[in-house]
Amino acid sequence: MDSHPPDPDPPKPPAPAERRREVEAARPRLARWRVPRPRRSDALSDTTARLIKLLLILVPSGWAVGYLYPPINHDVGCLLEIAHRWVNGERLYVDIIDVNLPLVFALHAIPELLSRATPFLGWTAMTWLTICFFVAIAASFFASRRLVHVVPSLAHPLTEAVVPPTLLFLFIVLPNENFGQREHLLMIAMAPYVLLASARAEGADGRLSRLFIWSVAISAGVVLAQKPHFMLIPLAVEAYVLAHRGIRPMLRDPVPWLIGGITVAHLAYIVLLTPNYLRFVLPIMLDSYAVMGGTSWRQVLLGASVLPTLLALLTLGALAIFLSRTVAARVIVAYGVGAALAAAAQAKGWPYHVMPAHGSAILLASVTLSQMVDRYLPLSREAHRRPVAAIGATFLILLYFQAALSMTPFHKQRDFQDSPTGVLLHVVERNAPNRKVLVLSPGIYPHYPMINYAHARMAMRFQTMWVLQGIYADCEEFATLYTAPEDMQDAERFLYESVSEDFDREKPDLLIVDRVPGIPRCQGREFAYLEYFQRNPRFAEAFERYQHLMDVERYSIYKRR
């Protein structure tokens, strides 16, 4: 017989059993807060996804059509006119003086030659240049899309969906009025080069054919050789690839050797076939063009365009490198830093100089965003494929919206007839029967692209008065407004004599003089180009055969009697 009475408090169950009962009791309440799993009905239909992807192709393609309408970029117009004169037999750096390297004019001679080879189409060199850029964009896009699927660190569903349409945005929408610039071509060629560098760094280049690798490398080498500043980009990219792979694989890698070989070949061409560039143009450029604008590379590097771009690259790069840990992001950061340094090295701060660096920041943002979603959202790879089209479209819509806010698309095309270029074009077409004009102006716009559309010819060796801008950039104390001919340095004397000689020999129909000289006032007086050159007896005698025709905005126009 049990002598112990029963315990009024029953023993507590073990802790695990108690925890299980609590979980079971709470399960109905938690269900209403639980995030539901994606169901088949939540996914985009295949048709909707395809339509979104098609839209991301059609929008930039339709945007591109706008570039077929005038005007082309003024710098592009100037380079096309020089290439036109070169193809006609005039000598670079002798009959035509410009600071650009021969390869720049060789590339711009391609649309000129295509125009001459297809007279039955009636397409001008300006139209052919735009079409050539369309071809380059298409080739770069398809090569880059292939590489996105090859690079291991980019093998994520959202990354594969977002990067290609982002590249189309960079190639077509971002340039806007700078479409056709050398930096625009650089950005187009660098996309497959940077992605190929990522594949090389990760050892995935074995999945690509030799023809493909060589094509990407040669294209990059030709475009990079246009400006010496551009070589900072492959130096930065190849330095990272070297650090990641080591020296032995790099010695067997054809890409850096091809790029370096093209650069050396271009330098040899300059030394052997256009020695006047080194003997004559380069010294003038260092004395005048380099100081024009009054900015240094440090000011540009720390200015309103380059510094924010570098900060964005470093911030996005830190997220991509330390959180998603991708090699491709590191290569893009190296490319962006090289592009930003190249922009600063040109010491001008012009918007198109910074365009490749801006493009690298946007490309890095697309890679960072997509890989963060792919890496950290608790979804399977197959589940990630459901929203990629919508997420990609949302990201691209933001890019297009920001582009439209920062600069009204095609405003120059809409206002072309009433623009300074359009007005001057009308004046030249009515008053220059021989289509010869001489323009004394510090800038390229608006007489370029007016000269292109009028099929006119600049009646002198120079395109602008950039030499005088550099020489008279500062007004020293007690300095005279104009240097006496006997006291001129070689560069100024050459400009002073050659412009007067060309004016007398070419006998242009119109003389167009800019009343805004782009030169600081000195001793309380304004620099006047007409007054400056009329000190030369040959110019003054030739000018006697001209009479004032009209004033158009800041320009005084004189017509030959």
Protein backbone atom coordinates (compact mmCIF):
# COMPACT_ATOMS: atom_id res chain seq x y z
CA MET A 1 0.00 0.00 0.00
CA ASP A 2 1.40 3.34 -1.06
CA SER A 3 1.87 5.55 1.94
CA HIS A 4 2.59 8.68 -0.19
CA PRO A 5 -0.45 10.74 -1.24
CA PRO A 6 -0.57 11.80 -4.89
CA ASP A 7 1.22 15.08 -5.73
CA PRO A 8 -1.40 17.74 -6.44
CA ASP A 9 0.95 19.28 -9.12
CA PRO A 10 1.71 16.77 -11.87
CA PRO A 11 5.33 16.68 -13.03
CA LYS A 12 6.22 19.06 -15.93
CA PRO A 13 6.87 17.39 -19.23
CA PRO A 14 10.34 17.57 -20.69
CA ALA A 15 11.25 20.86 -22.32
CA PRO A 16 11.32 19.48 -25.88
CA ALA A 17 7.78 18.10 -25.52
CA GLU A 18 6.56 21.43 -24.13
CA ARG A 19 8.23 23.30 -27.01
CA ARG A 20 6.57 21.03 -29.56
CA ARG A 21 3.13 21.68 -28.08
CA GLU A 22 3.74 25.45 -28.18
CA VAL A 23 4.80 25.28 -31.80
CA GLU A 24 1.75 23.18 -32.70
CA ALA A 25 -0.55 25.60 -30.88
CA ALA A 26 1.01 28.63 -32.56
CA ARG A 27 1.10 27.18 -36.09
CA PRO A 28 -2.36 28.42 -37.12
CA ARG A 29 -1.52 31.92 -35.93
CA LEU A 30 1.84 32.03 -37.80
CA ALA A 31 0.32 30.89 -41.03
CA ARG A 32 -1.30 34.25 -41.68
CA TRP A 33 2.11 36.02 -41.45
CA ARG A 34 4.16 33.52 -43.39
CA VAL A 35 5.40 34.64 -46.83
CA PRO A 36 3.66 32.39 -49.34
CA ARG A 37 5.79 30.32 -51.64
CA PRO A 38 5.74 31.34 -55.28
CA ARG A 39 3.09 29.43 -57.13
CA ARG A 40 2.87 28.73 -60.82
CA SER A 41 0.13 31.32 -61.13
CA ASP A 42 2.44 33.98 -59.63
CA ALA A 43 5.05 33.61 -62.37
CA LEU A 44 5.05 35.71 -65.49
CA SER A 45 3.76 33.85 -68.47
CA ASP A 46 6.30 32.99 -71.14
CA THR A 47 4.52 35.33 -73.53
CA THR A 48 4.67 38.26 -71.09
CA ALA A 49 8.35 37.65 -70.36
CA ARG A 50 9.14 37.52 -74.08
CA LEU A 51 7.21 40.73 -74.70
CA ILE A 52 9.14 42.53 -71.95
CA LYS A 53 12.46 41.33 -73.37
CA LEU A 54 11.38 42.36 -76.86
CA LEU A 55 10.41 45.79 -75.54
CA LEU A 56 13.86 46.23 -74.02
CA ILE A 57 15.27 45.69 -77.52
CA LEU A 58 12.72 47.74 -79.46
CA VAL A 59 12.93 50.88 -77.30
CA PRO A 60 16.66 51.53 -77.86
CA SER A 61 16.32 50.42 -81.50
CA GLY A 62 13.62 53.02 -82.06
CA TRP A 63 15.71 55.55 -80.18
CA ALA A 64 18.60 54.88 -82.57
CA VAL A 65 16.53 55.98 -85.57
CA GLY A 66 16.62 59.54 -84.24
CA TYR A 67 20.37 59.70 -84.86
CA LEU A 68 19.77 59.47 -88.60
CA TYR A 69 18.31 63.00 -88.54
CA PRO A 70 20.52 66.11 -88.50
CA PRO A 71 22.56 67.35 -86.86
CA ILE A 72 25.45 65.02 -86.20
CA ASN A 73 27.83 65.88 -83.38
CA HIS A 74 30.04 68.89 -84.22
CA ASP A 75 33.32 67.11 -83.39
CA VAL A 76 32.26 64.18 -85.55
CA GLY A 77 31.43 66.57 -88.37
CA CYS A 78 34.86 68.17 -88.13
CA LEU A 79 36.63 64.80 -88.26
CA LEU A 80 34.50 63.70 -91.23
CA GLU A 81 35.40 66.88 -93.14
CA ILE A 82 39.11 66.34 -92.48
CA ALA A 83 38.79 62.71 -93.60
CA HIS A 84 36.99 63.93 -96.74
CA ARG A 85 39.85 66.28 -97.57
CA TRP A 86 42.40 63.55 -96.82
CA VAL A 87 40.67 61.11 -99.17
CA ASN A 88 40.68 63.88 -101.79
CA GLY A 89 44.47 63.97 -101.63
CA GLU A 90 45.30 66.66 -99.08
CA ARG A 91 48.10 65.78 -96.67
CA LEU A 92 47.54 65.30 -92.97
CA TYR A 93 49.49 67.75 -90.77
CA VAL A 94 50.62 69.68 -93.86
CA ASP A 95 47.51 70.80 -95.77
CA ILE A 96 45.27 70.02 -92.77
CA ILE A 97 46.34 70.80 -89.20
CA ASP A 98 44.61 68.95 -86.36
CA VAL A 99 45.65 67.45 -83.03
CA ASN A 100 44.07 64.02 -83.60
CA LEU A 101 46.18 61.00 -84.52
CA PRO A 102 46.11 59.43 -88.02
CA LEU A 103 44.07 56.42 -86.88
CA VAL A 104 41.17 58.72 -86.00
CA PHE A 105 41.00 59.97 -89.58
CA ALA A 106 41.44 56.46 -90.96
CA LEU A 107 38.33 55.35 -89.07
CA HIS A 108 36.38 58.41 -90.21
CA ALA A 109 37.47 57.79 -93.79
CA ILE A 110 35.46 54.54 -93.80
CA PRO A 111 32.02 56.23 -94.08
CA GLU A 112 33.47 58.65 -96.65
CA LEU A 113 34.66 55.74 -98.80
CA LEU A 114 31.36 53.90 -98.36
CA SER A 115 29.50 56.99 -99.52
CA ARG A 116 31.64 57.20 -102.65
CA ALA A 117 31.29 53.48 -103.33
CA THR A 118 27.47 53.59 -103.17
CA PRO A 119 26.37 56.70 -105.11
CA PHE A 120 23.19 54.88 -106.16
CA LEU A 121 21.99 54.99 -102.53
CA GLY A 122 22.46 58.73 -102.17
CA TRP A 123 23.68 58.36 -98.58
CA THR A 124 26.13 60.94 -97.29
CA ALA A 125 29.17 60.21 -95.16
CA MET A 126 27.16 61.39 -92.12
CA THR A 127 24.50 58.74 -92.76
CA TRP A 128 27.11 56.07 -93.35
CA LEU A 129 28.89 56.96 -90.12
CA THR A 130 25.66 56.50 -88.17
CA ILE A 131 25.05 53.15 -89.89
CA CYS A 132 28.63 52.07 -89.13
CA PHE A 133 27.98 52.82 -85.47
CA PHE A 134 24.77 50.78 -85.61
CA VAL A 135 26.79 47.83 -86.96
CA ALA A 136 29.42 48.26 -84.24
CA ILE A 137 26.70 48.41 -81.57
CA ALA A 138 25.06 45.23 -82.87
CA ALA A 139 28.39 43.38 -83.01
CA SER A 140 29.35 44.49 -79.50
CA PHE A 141 25.90 43.62 -78.13
CA PHE A 142 25.88 40.05 -79.49
CA ALA A 143 29.50 39.45 -78.46
CA SER A 144 28.78 40.77 -74.95
CA ARG A 145 25.60 38.72 -74.61
CA ARG A 146 27.57 35.60 -75.47
CA LEU A 147 30.27 36.46 -72.96
CA VAL A 148 27.73 37.05 -70.18
CA HIS A 149 26.79 33.37 -70.46
CA VAL A 150 30.46 32.31 -70.50
CA VAL A 151 31.84 34.25 -67.51
CA PRO A 152 31.27 32.04 -64.42
CA SER A 153 30.77 34.96 -62.01
CA LEU A 154 27.99 36.33 -64.25
CA ALA A 155 26.15 33.03 -64.53
CA HIS A 156 23.08 34.22 -62.61
CA PRO A 157 19.57 34.42 -64.09
CA LEU A 158 18.95 38.07 -63.27
CA THR A 159 22.47 39.12 -64.34
CA GLU A 160 22.06 37.35 -67.66
CA ALA A 161 18.75 39.16 -68.15
CA VAL A 162 19.77 42.67 -67.04
CA VAL A 163 23.27 43.19 -68.47
CA PRO A 164 22.51 42.93 -72.24
CA PRO A 165 19.68 45.54 -72.29
CA THR A 166 21.78 47.74 -70.01
CA LEU A 167 24.52 47.65 -72.64
CA LEU A 168 22.02 48.74 -75.30
CA PHE A 169 21.11 51.67 -73.09
CA LEU A 170 24.78 52.60 -72.75
CA PHE A 171 25.48 52.26 -76.47
CA ILE A 172 22.40 54.07 -77.80
CA VAL A 173 20.70 56.24 -75.18
CA LEU A 174 23.50 57.47 -72.92
CA PRO A 175 25.53 59.22 -75.70
CA ASN A 176 22.61 61.44 -76.83
CA GLU A 177 24.17 64.48 -78.55
CA ASN A 178 27.64 62.89 -78.22
CA PHE A 179 26.67 59.98 -80.47
CA GLY A 180 29.61 59.16 -82.73
CA GLN A 181 32.33 60.61 -80.53
CA ARG A 182 35.61 58.71 -80.09
CA GLU A 183 34.67 57.99 -76.47
CA HIS A 184 31.36 56.59 -77.66
CA LEU A 185 33.18 54.17 -79.94
CA LEU A 186 35.49 53.35 -77.03
CA MET A 187 32.54 52.44 -74.80
CA ILE A 188 31.13 50.17 -77.53
CA ALA A 189 34.42 48.33 -78.00
CA MET A 190 35.22 48.08 -74.30
CA ALA A 191 32.10 46.11 -73.31
CA PRO A 192 33.17 42.79 -74.92
CA TYR A 193 36.80 43.48 -74.00
CA VAL A 194 35.95 43.90 -70.29
CA LEU A 195 33.73 40.80 -70.28
CA LEU A 196 36.44 38.85 -72.10
CA ALA A 197 38.93 40.01 -69.45
CA SER A 198 36.56 38.60 -66.81
CA ALA A 199 36.45 35.27 -68.65
CA ARG A 200 40.24 35.25 -68.94
CA ALA A 201 40.66 36.03 -65.24
CA GLU A 202 38.37 33.13 -64.32
CA GLY A 203 39.98 30.73 -66.79
CA ALA A 204 36.83 30.45 -68.91
CA ASP A 205 38.36 31.76 -72.14
CA GLY A 206 38.95 28.16 -73.22
CA ARG A 207 35.22 27.99 -74.02
CA LEU A 208 35.68 30.67 -76.70
CA SER A 209 37.12 30.24 -80.17
CA ARG A 210 40.41 31.83 -81.12
CA LEU A 211 38.66 33.81 -83.86
CA PHE A 212 36.25 35.31 -81.31
CA ILE A 213 39.03 36.25 -78.87
CA TRP A 214 41.19 37.78 -81.59
CA SER A 215 38.24 39.75 -83.02
CA VAL A 216 37.43 41.28 -79.64
CA ALA A 217 41.09 42.07 -78.92
CA ILE A 218 41.79 43.63 -82.34
CA SER A 219 38.65 45.75 -82.16
CA ALA A 220 39.62 46.96 -78.70
CA GLY A 221 43.20 47.63 -79.80
CA VAL A 222 42.17 49.75 -82.79
CA VAL A 223 39.74 51.84 -80.75
CA LEU A 224 42.15 52.26 -77.83
CA ALA A 225 44.91 53.50 -80.15
CA GLN A 226 42.87 56.58 -81.10
CA LYS A 227 44.12 58.52 -78.07
CA PRO A 228 47.15 57.86 -75.84
CA HIS A 229 44.98 58.59 -72.78
CA PHE A 230 42.83 55.56 -73.62
CA MET A 231 45.74 53.23 -72.87
CA LEU A 232 45.16 53.80 -69.16
CA ILE A 233 42.14 51.50 -69.49
CA PRO A 234 43.94 48.32 -70.65
CA LEU A 235 46.74 49.07 -68.19
CA ALA A 236 44.22 48.97 -65.33
CA VAL A 237 42.29 45.95 -66.65
CA GLU A 238 45.33 43.88 -67.59
CA ALA A 239 46.99 44.70 -64.26
CA TYR A 240 44.05 43.10 -62.46
CA VAL A 241 44.01 40.07 -64.78
CA LEU A 242 47.76 39.67 -64.23
CA ALA A 243 47.36 39.85 -60.45
CA HIS A 244 44.54 37.31 -60.57
CA ARG A 245 46.04 34.80 -63.02
CA GLY A 246 49.78 35.18 -62.61
CA ILE A 247 52.54 35.87 -65.10
CA ARG A 248 52.73 32.55 -66.96
CA PRO A 249 49.16 32.45 -68.30
CA MET A 250 49.46 36.12 -69.26
CA LEU A 251 52.54 35.46 -71.36
CA ARG A 252 50.51 32.97 -73.41
CA ASP A 253 47.45 35.22 -73.60
CA PRO A 254 47.10 36.86 -77.05
CA VAL A 255 44.88 39.74 -75.91
CA PRO A 256 47.46 42.10 -74.32
CA TRP A 257 49.95 41.32 -77.07
CA LEU A 258 47.44 42.18 -79.80
CA ILE A 259 46.45 45.46 -78.14
CA GLY A 260 50.07 46.40 -77.56
CA GLY A 261 51.04 45.41 -81.11
CA ILE A 262 48.37 47.64 -82.65
CA THR A 263 49.54 50.57 -80.51
CA VAL A 264 53.16 50.06 -81.56
CA ALA A 265 52.15 49.75 -85.23
CA HIS A 266 50.20 53.01 -85.01
CA LEU A 267 53.18 54.76 -83.43
CA ALA A 268 55.44 53.43 -86.19
CA TYR A 269 53.00 54.78 -88.80
CA ILE A 270 53.14 58.23 -87.19
CA VAL A 271 56.94 58.26 -87.05
CA LEU A 272 57.53 56.94 -90.56
CA LEU A 273 54.60 58.25 -92.62
CA THR A 274 53.38 61.38 -90.83
CA PRO A 275 56.54 62.76 -89.18
CA ASN A 276 55.12 66.27 -89.33
CA TYR A 277 52.81 65.35 -86.46
CA LEU A 278 55.76 64.87 -84.09
CA ARG A 279 57.91 67.66 -85.51
CA PHE A 280 55.27 70.33 -85.87
CA VAL A 281 51.76 69.57 -84.59
CA LEU A 282 52.74 68.02 -81.26
CA PRO A 283 54.83 71.03 -80.11
CA ILE A 284 51.98 73.40 -81.05
CA MET A 285 49.52 71.19 -79.19
CA LEU A 286 51.65 71.12 -76.04
CA ASP A 287 52.08 74.91 -76.13
CA SER A 288 48.50 75.87 -77.01
CA TYR A 289 45.91 73.09 -76.95
CA ALA A 290 47.07 71.60 -73.65
CA VAL A 291 46.56 74.90 -71.78
CA MET A 292 43.28 75.79 -73.52
CA GLY A 293 40.38 75.82 -71.09
CA GLY A 294 42.45 76.70 -68.04
CA THR A 295 41.95 73.35 -66.27
CA SER A 296 44.43 70.76 -65.04
CA TRP A 297 44.07 67.02 -64.72
CA ARG A 298 43.76 67.42 -60.93
CA GLN A 299 40.86 69.84 -61.32
CA VAL A 300 39.10 67.44 -63.69
CA LEU A 301 39.78 64.45 -61.43
CA LEU A 302 38.28 66.24 -58.43
CA GLY A 303 35.58 67.99 -60.45
CA ALA A 304 31.84 67.57 -60.72
CA SER A 305 31.91 64.65 -63.18
CA VAL A 306 34.90 62.42 -62.52
CA LEU A 307 34.96 62.41 -58.70
CA PRO A 308 31.29 61.37 -58.23
CA THR A 309 31.81 58.66 -60.83
CA LEU A 310 34.84 57.33 -58.97
CA LEU A 311 32.92 57.38 -55.68
CA ALA A 312 30.05 55.47 -57.29
CA LEU A 313 32.48 52.92 -58.72
CA LEU A 314 34.18 52.41 -55.37
CA THR A 315 30.89 52.13 -53.46
CA LEU A 316 29.24 49.75 -55.90
CA GLY A 317 32.52 47.91 -56.29
CA ALA A 318 32.75 47.34 -52.54
CA LEU A 319 29.23 45.89 -52.48
CA ALA A 320 29.89 43.67 -55.48
CA ILE A 321 33.36 42.55 -54.44
CA PHE A 322 32.82 41.88 -50.73
CA LEU A 323 29.21 40.68 -50.78
CA SER A 324 28.71 38.97 -54.11
CA ARG A 325 32.46 38.26 -54.45
CA THR A 326 32.54 38.32 -58.24
CA VAL A 327 35.59 38.62 -60.45
CA ALA A 328 33.59 40.36 -63.17
CA ALA A 329 32.73 43.22 -60.81
CA ARG A 330 36.41 43.73 -60.02
CA VAL A 331 37.26 43.88 -63.72
CA ILE A 332 34.50 46.45 -64.30
CA VAL A 333 35.85 48.54 -61.41
CA ALA A 334 39.33 48.42 -62.97
CA TYR A 335 37.84 49.49 -66.30
CA GLY A 336 35.93 52.34 -64.68
CA VAL A 337 38.96 53.62 -62.78
CA GLY A 338 41.03 53.51 -65.98
CA ALA A 339 38.30 55.36 -67.89
CA ALA A 340 38.03 58.02 -65.18
CA LEU A 341 41.79 58.53 -65.16
CA ALA A 342 41.76 58.78 -68.97
CA ALA A 343 39.12 61.51 -68.73
CA ALA A 344 41.17 63.38 -66.13
CA ALA A 345 44.38 63.01 -68.16
CA GLN A 346 42.79 64.94 -71.03
CA ALA A 347 42.49 67.90 -68.62
CA LYS A 348 39.39 69.38 -70.26
CA GLY A 349 36.44 67.99 -68.30
CA TRP A 350 34.20 67.86 -71.37
CA PRO A 351 31.13 65.62 -70.90
CA TYR A 352 31.99 63.11 -73.60
CA HIS A 353 35.43 62.52 -72.05
CA VAL A 354 33.70 61.11 -68.95
CA MET A 355 31.13 59.05 -70.88
CA PRO A 356 33.02 55.69 -70.67
CA ALA A 357 33.48 56.15 -66.91
CA HIS A 358 29.77 56.93 -66.49
CA GLY A 359 28.94 53.85 -68.55
CA SER A 360 31.15 51.65 -66.39
CA ALA A 361 29.36 52.86 -63.24
CA ILE A 362 25.95 52.02 -64.74
CA LEU A 363 27.19 48.61 -65.91
CA LEU A 364 28.60 47.91 -62.46
CA ALA A 365 25.28 48.95 -60.88
CA SER A 366 23.38 46.46 -63.06
CA VAL A 367 25.80 43.66 -62.16
CA THR A 368 25.74 44.53 -58.44
CA LEU A 369 21.95 44.77 -58.21
CA SER A 370 21.29 41.59 -60.14
CA GLN A 371 23.86 39.52 -58.27
CA MET A 372 22.67 40.72 -54.87
CA VAL A 373 19.17 39.53 -55.72
CA ASP A 374 20.43 36.26 -57.13
CA ARG A 375 22.78 35.57 -54.23
CA TYR A 376 20.83 36.65 -51.16
CA LEU A 377 17.12 36.22 -51.86
CA PRO A 378 15.97 32.82 -50.52
CA LEU A 379 14.84 31.49 -53.87
CA SER A 380 16.05 28.66 -55.99
CA ARG A 381 17.72 29.36 -59.31
CA GLU A 382 14.60 28.27 -61.17
CA ALA A 383 12.42 30.51 -58.99
CA HIS A 384 14.71 33.42 -59.84
CA ARG A 385 13.86 33.02 -63.50
CA ARG A 386 10.25 34.01 -62.88
CA PRO A 387 10.68 37.72 -62.04
CA VAL A 388 13.85 38.51 -64.01
CA ALA A 389 12.09 40.13 -66.96
CA ALA A 390 10.05 42.43 -64.71
CA ILE A 391 13.01 43.34 -62.48
CA GLY A 392 15.18 44.00 -65.52
CA ALA A 393 12.49 46.19 -67.09
CA THR A 394 12.11 48.17 -63.85
CA PHE A 395 15.85 48.84 -63.68
CA LEU A 396 15.97 49.92 -67.33
CA ILE A 397 12.92 52.18 -66.97
CA LEU A 398 14.76 54.05 -64.20
CA LEU A 399 17.78 54.47 -66.48
CA TYR A 400 15.70 55.79 -69.37
CA PHE A 401 13.82 58.13 -67.04
CA GLN A 402 17.03 59.57 -65.61
CA ALA A 403 18.48 60.00 -69.11
CA ALA A 404 15.41 61.93 -70.23
CA LEU A 405 15.58 64.15 -67.13
CA SER A 406 19.27 64.98 -67.48
CA MET A 407 19.08 65.92 -71.17
CA THR A 408 16.02 66.26 -73.37
CA PRO A 409 16.32 63.57 -76.05
CA PHE A 410 16.80 64.81 -79.62
CA HIS A 411 16.19 68.46 -78.78
CA LYS A 412 18.82 69.43 -81.36
CA GLN A 413 17.08 67.40 -84.04
CA ARG A 414 13.75 69.05 -83.28
CA ASP A 415 15.19 72.57 -83.28
CA PHE A 416 17.72 72.11 -86.08
CA GLN A 417 16.19 74.55 -88.58
CA ASP A 418 16.19 77.42 -86.07
CA SER A 419 19.54 76.55 -84.49
CA PRO A 420 22.74 78.51 -85.27
CA THR A 421 23.83 75.61 -87.48
CA GLY A 422 20.55 75.63 -89.40
CA VAL A 423 20.59 79.41 -89.87
CA LEU A 424 24.22 79.46 -91.06
CA LEU A 425 23.47 76.54 -93.37
CA HIS A 426 20.70 78.56 -95.00
CA VAL A 427 23.04 81.56 -95.42
CA VAL A 428 25.82 79.46 -96.98
CA GLU A 429 23.48 77.67 -99.37
CA ARG A 430 22.17 81.00 -100.68
CA ASN A 431 25.40 83.02 -100.75
CA ALA A 432 28.30 80.59 -101.36
CA PRO A 433 28.01 79.24 -104.92
CA ASN A 434 31.47 77.65 -104.76
CA ARG A 435 30.81 76.25 -101.29
CA LYS A 436 34.00 77.74 -99.85
CA VAL A 437 33.91 79.40 -96.44
CA LEU A 438 36.50 80.61 -93.98
CA VAL A 439 35.40 80.74 -90.34
CA LEU A 440 37.44 82.58 -87.70
CA SER A 441 36.05 81.18 -84.45
CA PRO A 442 37.43 79.60 -81.26
CA GLY A 443 34.95 76.72 -81.30
CA ILE A 444 33.92 73.97 -83.67
CA TYR A 445 30.16 74.46 -83.29
CA PRO A 446 28.12 75.66 -85.19
CA HIS A 447 30.20 75.81 -88.37
CA TYR A 448 30.60 72.09 -87.93
CA PRO A 449 28.38 70.32 -88.89
CA MET A 450 27.11 73.21 -91.05
CA ILE A 451 30.03 72.67 -93.44
CA ASN A 452 29.13 68.97 -93.73
CA TYR A 453 25.48 69.56 -94.59
CA ALA A 454 26.31 72.39 -97.01
CA HIS A 455 28.96 70.17 -98.70
CA ALA A 456 31.26 73.15 -98.26
CA ARG A 457 34.99 73.34 -97.68
CA MET A 458 36.90 75.14 -94.95
CA ALA A 459 39.27 77.46 -96.81
CA MET A 460 42.24 77.11 -94.45
CA ARG A 461 44.46 74.48 -92.85
CA PHE A 462 43.04 74.93 -89.36
CA GLN A 463 39.45 74.27 -88.32
CA THR A 464 39.36 76.74 -85.42
CA MET A 465 41.48 79.40 -83.74
CA TRP A 466 42.58 77.05 -80.95
CA VAL A 467 46.22 78.07 -81.35
CA LEU A 468 45.40 81.69 -80.53
CA GLN A 469 43.23 80.59 -77.61
CA GLY A 470 46.21 78.86 -76.06
CA ILE A 471 48.69 81.64 -76.77
CA TYR A 472 46.45 84.41 -75.44
CA ALA A 473 44.96 82.40 -72.56
CA ASP A 474 46.44 84.82 -70.01
CA CYS A 475 46.76 88.59 -70.08
CA GLU A 476 50.10 89.46 -68.56
CA GLU A 477 50.71 92.79 -66.90
CA PHE A 478 51.52 95.54 -69.40
CA ALA A 479 51.02 93.10 -72.28
CA THR A 480 49.85 94.36 -75.65
CA LEU A 481 46.54 93.11 -76.99
CA TYR A 482 48.22 91.56 -80.05
CA THR A 483 51.79 90.36 -80.28
CA ALA A 484 53.77 92.19 -82.96
CA PRO A 485 54.62 89.91 -85.93
CA GLU A 486 58.35 90.26 -85.31
CA ASP A 487 57.89 89.12 -81.68
CA MET A 488 55.67 86.10 -82.39
CA GLN A 489 56.70 82.58 -81.42
CA ASP A 490 56.85 79.95 -84.16
CA ALA A 491 53.33 78.56 -83.58
CA GLU A 492 51.63 81.96 -83.66
CA ARG A 493 53.65 83.13 -86.64
CA PHE A 494 52.70 80.01 -88.59
CA LEU A 495 48.99 80.52 -87.88
CA TYR A 496 49.21 84.23 -88.64
CA GLU A 497 50.89 83.63 -92.01
CA SER A 498 49.08 80.44 -93.06
CA VAL A 499 45.55 81.78 -92.45
CA SER A 500 46.37 84.91 -94.44
CA GLU A 501 47.91 82.85 -97.22
CA ASP A 502 44.96 80.44 -97.36
CA PHE A 503 42.46 83.31 -97.37
CA ASP A 504 44.19 84.96 -100.31
CA ARG A 505 44.69 81.72 -102.26
CA GLU A 506 41.34 79.99 -101.66
CA LYS A 507 39.18 83.11 -102.17
CA PRO A 508 36.24 81.81 -100.09
CA ASP A 509 32.73 82.92 -100.94
CA LEU A 510 32.06 83.88 -97.33
CA LEU A 511 34.21 85.02 -94.43
CA ILE A 512 32.46 84.31 -91.11
CA VAL A 513 33.97 86.03 -88.07
CA ASP A 514 33.02 85.15 -84.50
CA ARG A 515 32.65 88.26 -82.35
CA VAL A 516 33.11 86.15 -79.19
CA PRO A 517 36.81 85.26 -79.40
CA GLY A 518 37.06 82.88 -76.45
CA ILE A 519 40.08 84.89 -75.30
CA PRO A 520 40.18 86.96 -72.07
CA ARG A 521 40.01 90.74 -72.34
CA CYS A 522 43.41 92.40 -72.05
CA GLN A 523 44.15 96.01 -71.12
CA GLY A 524 40.41 96.65 -71.17
CA ARG A 525 40.05 95.65 -74.83
CA GLU A 526 38.37 92.71 -76.54
CA PHE A 527 40.37 90.46 -78.85
CA ALA A 528 39.00 90.74 -82.42
CA TYR A 529 40.00 88.15 -85.03
CA LEU A 530 39.40 90.43 -87.99
CA GLU A 531 41.49 93.21 -86.49
CA TYR A 532 44.22 90.72 -85.60
CA PHE A 533 44.59 89.29 -89.11
CA GLN A 534 44.18 92.61 -90.93
CA ARG A 535 47.61 93.54 -89.62
CA ASN A 536 48.91 91.06 -92.22
CA PRO A 537 49.19 92.89 -95.58
CA ARG A 538 48.22 89.79 -97.57
CA PHE A 539 45.07 89.25 -95.52
CA ALA A 540 44.19 92.96 -95.60
CA GLU A 541 44.54 93.11 -99.37
CA ALA A 542 42.37 90.02 -99.86
CA PHE A 543 39.75 91.39 -97.45
CA GLU A 544 39.29 94.50 -99.61
CA ARG A 545 37.25 92.34 -102.01
CA TYR A 546 34.68 91.52 -99.30
CA GLN A 547 31.69 93.46 -98.07
CA HIS A 548 29.56 93.03 -94.97
CA LEU A 549 26.56 90.82 -95.72
CA MET A 550 24.80 90.37 -92.38
CA ASP A 551 25.16 89.55 -88.70
CA VAL A 552 23.78 86.24 -87.45
CA GLU A 553 23.77 86.00 -83.65
CA ARG A 554 27.46 86.29 -82.64
CA TYR A 555 28.79 86.06 -86.21
CA SER A 556 29.61 88.79 -88.73
CA ILE A 557 29.40 87.49 -92.30
CA TYR A 558 31.28 89.04 -95.21
CA LYS A 559 30.64 88.13 -98.86
CA ARG A 560 33.16 88.24 -101.68
CA ARG A 561 32.28 90.84 -104.32
